[in-house]
Protein backbone atom coordinates (compact mmCIF):
# COMPACT_ATOMS: atom_id res chain seq x y z
CA UNK A 1 3.91 24.61 9.65
CA UNK A 2 0.65 23.59 11.95
CA UNK A 3 1.54 19.92 10.92
CA UNK A 4 5.27 20.66 11.87
CA UNK A 5 4.05 22.31 15.32
CA UNK A 6 1.46 18.89 15.54
CA UNK A 7 4.10 16.57 15.26
CA UNK A 8 6.63 18.65 17.78
CA UNK A 9 3.86 18.75 20.56
CA UNK A 10 3.28 14.94 20.14
CA UNK A 11 7.01 13.76 19.25
CA UNK A 12 9.25 16.04 21.92
CA UNK A 13 8.34 14.00 25.01
CA UNK A 14 8.84 10.94 22.50
CA UNK A 15 12.28 11.96 21.44
CA UNK A 16 13.50 12.70 24.95
CA UNK A 17 11.89 9.48 25.99
CA UNK A 18 13.59 7.56 23.32
CA UNK A 19 17.02 9.43 24.43
CA UNK A 20 16.48 8.03 28.36
CA UNK A 21 16.10 4.95 26.74
CA UNK A 22 18.72 4.55 24.59
CA UNK A 23 20.99 6.26 27.68
CA UNK A 24 20.30 2.98 29.51
CA UNK A 25 22.79 0.90 26.63
CA UNK A 26 25.14 4.01 26.16
CA UNK A 27 25.92 4.13 29.89
CA UNK A 28 25.82 0.27 30.12
CA UNK A 29 28.53 0.35 27.05
CA UNK A 30 30.81 2.70 28.91
CA UNK A 31 30.79 1.13 31.55
CA UNK A 32 31.62 -2.30 30.24
CA UNK A 33 33.69 -0.74 28.11
CA UNK A 34 36.02 -0.27 30.65
CA UNK A 35 36.41 -3.78 31.43
CA UNK A 36 38.08 -5.15 28.05
CA UNK A 37 37.05 -6.08 24.80
CA UNK A 38 35.77 -9.42 25.81
CA UNK A 39 32.97 -8.17 28.37
CA UNK A 40 32.37 -5.12 25.36
CA UNK A 41 32.10 -8.32 22.83
CA UNK A 42 29.67 -10.12 25.19
CA UNK A 43 27.55 -7.00 25.61
CA UNK A 44 27.37 -6.56 21.85
CA UNK A 45 26.12 -10.25 21.24
CA UNK A 46 24.06 -10.02 24.51
CA UNK A 47 22.35 -7.09 23.89
CA UNK A 48 21.67 -7.87 19.96
CA UNK A 49 20.46 -10.92 20.79
CA UNK A 50 17.87 -9.44 23.34
CA UNK A 51 16.75 -6.42 21.25
CA UNK A 52 15.93 -8.73 18.38
CA UNK A 53 13.19 -11.52 20.24
CA UNK A 54 12.47 -8.45 22.51
CA UNK A 55 10.83 -6.19 19.26
CA UNK A 56 9.78 -8.93 17.52
CA UNK A 57 6.92 -9.52 20.74
CA UNK A 58 6.91 -5.42 20.89
CA UNK A 59 6.16 -5.49 17.07
CA UNK A 60 2.76 -7.14 18.17
CA UNK A 61 2.13 -5.27 21.08
CA UNK A 62 2.51 -1.70 18.89
CA UNK A 63 -0.92 -2.85 16.90
CA UNK A 64 -2.59 -0.72 20.17
CA UNK A 65 -0.97 2.74 19.52
CA UNK A 66 -2.56 3.15 15.96
CA UNK A 67 -5.88 1.00 17.03
CA UNK A 68 -6.31 3.30 19.96
CA UNK A 69 -5.57 6.60 17.58
CA UNK A 70 -8.19 5.45 15.73
CA UNK A 71 -10.63 5.12 18.38
CA UNK A 72 -9.88 8.33 20.07
CA UNK A 73 -10.31 10.41 16.64
CA UNK A 74 -13.87 8.66 16.33
CA UNK A 75 -14.31 9.18 20.49
CA UNK A 76 -14.90 5.28 21.00
CA UNK A 77 -13.12 5.98 24.51
CA UNK A 78 -14.46 2.46 25.90
CA UNK A 79 -13.17 0.57 23.53
CA UNK A 80 -9.71 2.09 24.11
CA UNK A 81 -10.13 0.74 27.39
CA UNK A 82 -11.12 -2.58 25.82
CA UNK A 83 -8.12 -3.16 23.77
CA UNK A 84 -5.54 -2.02 26.22
CA UNK A 85 -6.68 -4.73 28.86
CA UNK A 86 -6.57 -7.29 26.06
CA UNK A 87 -2.94 -6.06 25.07
CA UNK A 88 -2.18 -6.83 28.48
CA UNK A 89 -2.88 -10.09 28.03
CA UNK A 90 -0.86 -10.74 24.78
CA UNK A 91 1.79 -9.12 26.62
CA UNK A 92 2.05 -11.60 28.98
CA UNK A 93 1.72 -14.55 26.66
CA UNK A 94 4.63 -13.04 24.76
CA UNK A 95 6.48 -12.59 28.14
CA UNK A 96 6.57 -16.34 28.59
CA UNK A 97 8.33 -17.28 25.14
CA UNK A 98 10.87 -14.35 24.86
CA UNK A 99 12.01 -15.34 28.66
CA UNK A 100 12.41 -19.29 27.42
CA UNK A 101 14.31 -17.80 24.59
CA UNK A 102 16.53 -15.56 26.54
CA UNK A 103 17.89 -18.56 28.48
CA UNK A 104 18.28 -21.17 25.78
CA UNK A 105 20.90 -19.03 23.30
CA UNK A 106 24.27 -20.16 24.41
CA UNK A 107 23.94 -23.67 21.99
CA UNK A 108 23.33 -20.94 19.07
CA UNK A 109 26.49 -18.98 20.06
CA UNK A 110 28.78 -21.98 20.53
CA UNK A 111 27.75 -23.55 17.25
CA UNK A 112 28.82 -20.21 15.34
CA UNK A 113 32.36 -20.18 16.81
CA UNK A 114 31.97 -17.70 19.28
CA UNK A 115 34.43 -17.54 22.15
CA UNK A 116 33.22 -19.75 25.29
CA UNK A 117 34.16 -16.77 27.64
CA UNK A 118 32.51 -14.50 25.52
CA UNK A 119 29.43 -16.75 24.97
CA UNK A 120 29.06 -17.76 28.48
CA UNK A 121 29.06 -13.58 29.52
CA UNK A 122 26.67 -12.75 26.85
CA UNK A 123 24.18 -15.76 28.34
CA UNK A 124 24.37 -14.79 31.83
CA UNK A 125 23.81 -11.11 30.63
CA UNK A 126 20.35 -12.57 28.95
CA UNK A 127 19.29 -14.79 32.10
CA UNK A 128 20.08 -11.58 34.56
CA UNK A 129 17.60 -9.59 32.78
CA UNK A 130 15.24 -11.99 31.53
CA UNK A 131 13.28 -11.67 34.65
CA UNK A 132 12.13 -8.40 34.20
CA UNK A 133 10.61 -8.93 30.70
CA UNK A 134 6.70 -9.18 31.58
CA UNK A 135 7.21 -6.14 33.38
CA UNK A 136 8.73 -4.24 30.32
CA UNK A 137 5.85 -5.48 27.93
CA UNK A 138 3.38 -4.05 30.41
CA UNK A 139 4.81 -0.97 30.77
CA UNK A 140 4.52 -0.82 26.39
CA UNK A 141 0.94 -1.96 26.79
CA UNK A 142 0.41 1.29 28.92
CA UNK A 143 2.96 3.37 26.35
CA UNK A 144 1.36 2.25 23.30
CA UNK A 145 -1.87 3.31 24.82
CA UNK A 146 -0.72 6.79 26.14
CA UNK A 147 0.91 7.34 22.83
CA UNK A 148 -2.38 6.67 20.71
CA UNK A 149 -4.47 9.19 22.80
CA UNK A 150 -1.49 11.96 22.62
CA UNK A 151 -0.16 11.91 26.32
CA UNK A 152 3.33 11.67 25.59
CA UNK A 153 4.68 13.63 28.89
CA UNK A 154 3.80 10.62 31.46
CA UNK A 155 5.78 8.66 28.92
CA UNK A 156 8.92 10.81 28.94
CA UNK A 157 8.57 11.09 33.21
CA UNK A 158 8.69 7.38 33.77
CA UNK A 159 11.71 7.25 31.36
CA UNK A 160 13.72 9.68 32.40
CA UNK A 161 13.27 8.18 36.15
CA UNK A 162 13.88 4.81 34.67
CA UNK A 163 17.45 6.10 33.03
CA UNK A 164 18.53 7.17 36.67
CA UNK A 165 17.38 4.14 38.65
CA UNK A 166 18.99 1.75 35.56
CA UNK A 167 22.24 3.16 35.43
CA UNK A 168 22.72 3.48 39.18
CA UNK A 169 21.63 -0.32 39.40
CA UNK A 170 23.89 -1.19 36.50
CA UNK A 171 27.23 0.72 38.09
CA UNK A 172 26.48 -1.12 41.26
CA UNK A 173 26.26 -4.53 40.07
CA UNK A 174 28.83 -3.96 37.09
CA UNK A 175 31.73 -2.80 39.11
CA UNK A 176 30.27 -4.43 42.98
CA UNK A 177 30.08 -1.04 44.07
CA UNK A 178 28.43 -0.40 47.91
CA UNK A 179 29.05 -4.40 49.10
CA UNK A 180 27.14 -5.44 46.14
CA UNK A 181 28.36 -8.50 44.23
CA UNK A 182 31.06 -7.54 40.81
CA UNK A 183 29.02 -9.10 38.25
CA UNK A 184 30.57 -7.25 35.12
CA UNK A 185 28.52 -7.42 32.36
CA UNK A 186 25.73 -9.61 33.86
CA UNK A 187 25.42 -6.68 36.22
CA UNK A 188 24.16 -4.91 33.64
CA UNK A 189 21.43 -7.03 32.48
CA UNK A 190 20.30 -7.38 36.41
CA UNK A 191 20.10 -3.93 36.58
CA UNK A 192 17.89 -3.69 33.22
CA UNK A 193 15.34 -6.32 34.76
CA UNK A 194 15.16 -4.81 37.90
CA UNK A 195 14.11 -1.29 36.18
CA UNK A 196 11.68 -2.80 33.93
CA UNK A 197 9.39 -3.65 36.93
CA UNK A 198 9.95 -0.15 38.39
CA UNK A 199 8.82 1.37 34.82
CA UNK A 200 5.03 -0.57 34.81
CA UNK A 201 4.70 0.36 38.53
CA UNK A 202 5.53 4.20 37.92
CA UNK A 203 3.10 4.37 34.50
CA UNK A 204 0.53 2.04 35.86
CA UNK A 205 -0.16 3.84 38.96
CA UNK A 206 -0.33 7.26 37.10
CA UNK A 207 -2.71 5.63 34.83
CA UNK A 208 -4.78 4.93 37.73
CA UNK A 209 -4.53 8.14 39.55
CA UNK A 210 -5.13 10.91 36.83
CA UNK A 211 -9.00 11.81 36.14
CA UNK A 212 -7.60 12.05 32.60
CA UNK A 213 -8.00 8.30 32.22
CA UNK A 214 -11.38 7.76 33.50
CA UNK A 215 -13.37 7.77 30.16
CA UNK A 216 -11.55 4.91 29.21
CA UNK A 217 -13.27 2.92 32.29
CA UNK A 218 -9.36 1.04 32.06
CA UNK A 219 -9.63 -0.53 35.94
CA UNK A 220 -13.54 -0.90 36.19
CA UNK A 221 -13.66 -4.84 35.78
CA UNK A 222 -11.38 -7.61 35.56
CA UNK A 223 -12.03 -8.97 31.96
CA UNK A 224 -10.27 -12.13 30.76
CA UNK A 225 -8.58 -12.60 26.90
CA UNK A 226 -11.24 -12.46 24.60
CA UNK A 227 -10.20 -14.23 21.24
CA UNK A 228 -11.73 -12.01 18.41
CA UNK A 229 -10.29 -8.71 19.86
CA UNK A 230 -6.83 -10.76 20.50
CA UNK A 231 -7.10 -12.33 16.86
CA UNK A 232 -7.78 -8.37 15.65
CA UNK A 233 -4.76 -7.14 17.43
CA UNK A 234 -2.64 -10.31 16.22
CA UNK A 235 -3.64 -9.80 12.91
CA UNK A 236 -2.69 -5.77 12.76
CA UNK A 237 0.44 -6.16 14.89
CA UNK A 238 1.84 -10.00 14.01
CA UNK A 239 2.94 -7.81 10.63
CA UNK A 240 4.80 -4.78 12.63
CA UNK A 241 6.32 -7.72 15.03
CA UNK A 242 7.86 -9.40 12.09
CA UNK A 243 8.81 -6.40 10.24
CA UNK A 244 10.79 -5.15 13.35
CA UNK A 245 12.32 -8.76 14.05
CA UNK A 246 13.49 -9.04 10.30
CA UNK A 247 15.16 -5.40 10.96
CA UNK A 248 16.37 -6.56 14.02
CA UNK A 249 17.30 -9.87 13.43
CA UNK A 250 19.57 -8.58 10.47
CA UNK A 251 21.37 -6.49 13.18
CA UNK A 252 21.54 -9.47 15.17
CA UNK A 253 23.02 -11.79 12.40
CA UNK A 254 25.30 -9.00 11.71
CA UNK A 255 26.60 -8.83 15.06
CA UNK A 256 27.03 -12.49 15.56
CA UNK A 257 28.99 -12.31 12.16
CA UNK A 258 31.30 -9.74 13.99
CA UNK A 259 31.67 -11.78 16.64
CA UNK A 260 33.42 -14.58 14.82
CA UNK A 261 35.86 -12.30 13.08
CA UNK A 262 36.79 -11.37 16.61
CA UNK A 263 36.77 -9.02 19.77
CA UNK A 264 37.55 -5.90 17.93
CA UNK A 265 35.21 -6.51 15.40
CA UNK A 266 32.53 -7.08 17.86
CA UNK A 267 34.09 -4.24 20.15
CA UNK A 268 33.73 -1.55 17.32
CA UNK A 269 30.25 -3.10 15.79
CA UNK A 270 29.09 -2.45 19.52
CA UNK A 271 30.19 0.99 19.41
CA UNK A 272 29.11 1.91 16.12
CA UNK A 273 25.36 0.22 16.61
CA UNK A 274 25.35 1.97 20.27
CA UNK A 275 25.72 5.29 18.86
CA UNK A 276 23.78 5.07 16.01
CA UNK A 277 21.01 3.97 17.96
CA UNK A 278 21.48 7.07 20.16
CA UNK A 279 21.04 9.52 17.16
CA UNK A 280 18.26 7.69 15.68
CA UNK A 281 16.29 8.47 18.91
CA UNK A 282 15.54 12.09 17.57
CA UNK A 283 13.93 10.88 14.23
CA UNK A 284 12.37 8.21 16.04
CA UNK A 285 10.27 10.03 18.49
CA UNK A 286 8.97 12.00 16.07
CA UNK A 287 8.07 8.95 13.50
CA UNK A 288 6.22 7.66 16.41
CA UNK A 289 4.23 11.26 16.84
CA UNK A 290 3.32 10.93 13.08
CA UNK A 291 1.98 7.38 13.46
CA UNK A 292 -0.53 9.18 15.94
CA UNK A 293 -1.61 11.92 14.12
CA UNK A 294 -2.36 9.90 10.96
CA UNK A 295 -4.43 7.38 12.69
CA UNK A 296 -6.00 10.48 14.78
CA UNK A 297 -6.92 11.99 11.64
CA UNK A 298 -7.98 8.65 10.07
CA UNK A 299 -10.30 7.88 12.98
CA UNK A 300 -11.71 11.26 12.38
CA UNK A 301 -12.54 10.79 8.75
CA UNK A 302 -9.89 13.26 7.58
CA UNK A 303 -7.72 11.06 5.34
CA UNK A 304 -6.28 14.29 3.01
CA UNK A 305 -4.96 15.69 6.36
CA UNK A 306 -3.62 12.47 7.33
CA UNK A 307 -1.71 12.33 4.14
CA UNK A 308 -0.28 15.61 4.34
CA UNK A 309 0.78 15.54 8.03
CA UNK A 310 2.53 11.74 7.09
CA UNK A 311 4.43 13.67 4.01
CA UNK A 312 5.86 16.24 6.53
CA UNK A 313 6.90 13.66 9.30
CA UNK A 314 8.94 11.92 6.38
CA UNK A 315 10.29 14.93 5.39
CA UNK A 316 11.10 16.24 8.83
CA UNK A 317 12.35 13.08 10.14
CA UNK A 318 14.60 12.62 6.59
CA UNK A 319 16.54 15.98 6.91
CA UNK A 320 17.20 15.59 10.71
CA UNK A 321 18.58 12.39 10.02
CA UNK A 322 20.58 13.25 7.09
CA UNK A 323 21.42 16.14 9.26
CA UNK A 324 23.06 14.28 12.08
CA UNK A 325 24.42 11.43 9.42
CA UNK A 326 26.75 14.88 8.32
CA UNK A 327 27.70 15.67 11.71
CA UNK A 328 28.95 11.87 12.50
CA UNK A 329 31.14 11.77 9.66
CA UNK A 330 33.22 14.73 10.98
CA UNK A 331 33.64 13.81 14.29
CA UNK A 332 33.73 10.03 14.58
CA UNK A 333 37.22 9.43 15.71
CA UNK A 334 35.96 11.75 18.47
CA UNK A 335 33.18 9.65 19.32
CA UNK A 336 35.48 6.57 19.22
CA UNK A 337 37.69 7.49 21.69
CA UNK A 338 34.83 8.58 24.10
CA UNK A 339 33.41 4.83 24.32
CA UNK A 340 37.14 2.78 24.89
CA UNK A 341 40.89 3.78 24.61
CA UNK A 342 41.90 0.62 22.75
CA UNK A 343 43.62 1.42 19.80
CA UNK A 344 42.67 -0.96 17.67
CA UNK A 345 38.87 -0.89 18.47
CA UNK A 346 38.86 3.00 17.72
CA UNK A 347 40.66 2.60 14.39
CA UNK A 348 38.12 0.31 13.03
CA UNK A 349 34.69 2.03 15.07
CA UNK A 350 36.00 5.32 13.31
CA UNK A 351 35.92 3.71 10.05
CA UNK A 352 32.17 2.14 10.77
CA UNK A 353 30.95 5.43 12.37
CA UNK A 354 31.91 7.04 8.70
CA UNK A 355 29.84 4.35 6.96
CA UNK A 356 26.96 4.80 9.36
CA UNK A 357 26.32 8.39 8.49
CA UNK A 358 24.60 6.89 5.79
CA UNK A 359 22.59 4.58 7.41
CA UNK A 360 21.40 7.32 9.53
CA UNK A 361 19.71 8.86 7.03
CA UNK A 362 18.01 6.31 5.86
CA UNK A 363 16.81 5.00 8.78
CA UNK A 364 15.51 8.01 10.02
CA UNK A 365 13.65 8.69 6.38
CA UNK A 366 12.31 4.84 6.29
CA UNK A 367 11.07 5.17 10.58
CA UNK A 368 8.77 7.79 9.30
CA UNK A 369 7.51 6.56 6.25
CA UNK A 370 6.84 2.93 8.28
CA UNK A 371 5.25 4.76 11.32
CA UNK A 372 3.01 7.13 9.13
CA UNK A 373 1.67 3.56 7.09
CA UNK A 374 1.31 2.10 10.77
CA UNK A 375 -1.00 5.15 11.51
CA UNK A 376 -3.05 3.89 8.36
CA UNK A 377 -3.14 0.65 9.86
CA UNK A 378 -1.21 -0.66 6.88
CA UNK A 379 1.12 -3.36 8.27
CA UNK A 380 1.31 -6.75 5.83
CA UNK A 381 2.73 -5.27 2.88
CA UNK A 382 5.46 -3.12 4.49
CA UNK A 383 6.44 -6.54 5.91
CA UNK A 384 7.05 -7.97 2.90
CA UNK A 385 8.91 -4.85 1.83
CA UNK A 386 11.21 -4.87 4.96
CA UNK A 387 11.67 -8.92 4.50
CA UNK A 388 12.60 -8.45 1.14
CA UNK A 389 15.08 -5.24 1.92
CA UNK A 390 16.80 -6.34 4.82
CA UNK A 391 17.80 -9.79 3.89
CA UNK A 392 17.50 -9.70 -0.01
CA UNK A 393 19.38 -6.33 -0.07
CA UNK A 394 20.96 -5.73 3.04
CA UNK A 395 21.98 -9.61 4.31
CA UNK A 396 23.43 -10.43 0.51
CA UNK A 397 25.19 -7.54 0.73
CA UNK A 398 26.88 -7.70 3.93
CA UNK A 399 27.95 -11.10 3.11
CA UNK A 400 29.46 -10.59 -0.02
CA UNK A 401 31.25 -7.55 0.63
CA UNK A 402 32.49 -8.43 4.25
CA UNK A 403 33.13 -12.34 3.49
CA UNK A 404 33.22 -13.04 0.16
CA UNK A 405 35.22 -9.88 -0.88
CA UNK A 406 37.14 -9.60 2.49
CA UNK A 407 36.01 -5.82 3.11
CA UNK A 408 35.14 -7.68 6.52
CA UNK A 409 33.39 -5.14 8.85
CA UNK A 410 33.43 -2.08 6.64
CA UNK A 411 31.50 -4.50 4.00
CA UNK A 412 29.24 -5.46 6.37
CA UNK A 413 28.03 -2.08 7.33
CA UNK A 414 27.91 -1.24 4.10
CA UNK A 415 25.30 -3.70 3.52
CA UNK A 416 23.31 -2.13 6.06
CA UNK A 417 23.64 1.09 5.14
CA UNK A 418 21.81 -0.15 1.49
CA UNK A 419 19.52 -1.60 2.82
CA UNK A 420 17.84 1.14 5.11
CA UNK A 421 18.54 3.74 2.53
CA UNK A 422 16.67 1.21 0.11
CA UNK A 423 13.78 0.72 2.54
CA UNK A 424 12.91 4.91 3.00
CA UNK A 425 12.57 5.34 -0.55
CA UNK A 426 10.25 2.13 -0.92
CA UNK A 427 8.09 2.74 2.14
CA UNK A 428 7.79 6.09 1.15
CA UNK A 429 6.29 5.41 -2.02
CA UNK A 430 3.95 2.86 -0.62
CA UNK A 431 2.63 5.35 1.79
CA UNK A 432 1.90 7.79 -0.76
CA UNK A 433 -0.05 5.02 -2.80
CA UNK A 434 -2.19 3.60 0.26
CA UNK A 435 -2.97 7.44 1.34
CA UNK A 436 -3.97 8.11 -2.07
CA UNK A 437 -6.61 5.49 -2.15
CA UNK A 438 -8.28 6.11 0.99
CA UNK A 439 -8.43 9.98 -0.42
CA UNK A 440 -9.94 8.61 -3.52
CA UNK A 441 -12.33 6.77 -1.50
CA UNK A 442 -13.17 9.48 1.10
CA UNK A 443 -13.71 11.97 -1.78
CA UNK A 444 -16.05 9.64 -3.90
CA UNK A 445 -18.44 8.88 -0.91
CA UNK A 446 -20.37 12.35 -0.84
CA UNK A 447 -21.11 11.49 -4.25
CA UNK A 448 -22.11 7.86 -3.89
CA UNK A 449 -24.52 9.26 -0.98
């Protein structure tokens, strides 16, 4: 019960933060869905590409979270400030690469045979959003630092304000309200880009003014890039980024595959993915909290406590995700109707939502296991595990069932669900093996002394 309480205290602001974050995507999908299947298909493809590219860079920055958590547990406060400043340089370098990729995706989409009108809108969506990328990555540097020290309420407050700002801006630019140009789906990207800079400004001002951050000496001096620290962060975060890219790449590839099947398939896929992402925010927030607490206890030299709180987090996230999946299965038709009035899209989305119920159970569990492993700073083997499962099982099954055997969208989502359930089992076993080794070493240390 003490572990559950600790996870809840750190996790509840992160849950709300995640819900606010995905709320932006839900709102954009609901607004764009009123414009027709073509616009919704463009949003599906554009947002899927954005998530895949963005998460690869975010994973590298996510090395800061467990690093700060272990510094905080060991009371190495000045190291927190140093690593945060270096992570900011890393964020700027990553932003340049991401912006270039976001502005040059149209040849890939056209080569895949996606309709030219959909490609034009998707490319416009990404270009409109791209100017906000540096602000978004810098915000995530501040977020990772705050998560590592367990101060998650400021993150929640910033994201709550950002939700209101983003929805308002997207509405104005999507529909051309208050004299603004009517940009349709491209307006959603523009609204997000502006909001990303607003988010960074808010969190930076808070960290600068709040007295609780003084021991970290974040702003005491200018500090240029230092390769030893950057190499350490990249060494830990690179596998996280590759792991997220492999997972997001699978989702992106399947979204593109849906796009080749037609507008109806792409639209139904976007609805299902959007809703699944929304409900995933609850276990994901608790998974982040699990990572923080495991890292802090490892920093304090308490691996047995880290093991217990890690397994508590896995069990909690798995139980919640399974419950949400059961609810989704029984209310799938009502969820689909909330997004669109197109009968063909509703029918297909209903069947995909039913399959996603299984996916949700696996995704919630694997996210907690992955978070617990990040708390242990174990990232390389999980990356290999994810690569093998997501592509060796997930993509292979999705392609065979959906394309070769002709089950279409339902076959693709079955392959996706199978991969995430498999990842949940294997990553949990990996956490068990790694943390057991840490406990054994800690138990032997007094004997050696």
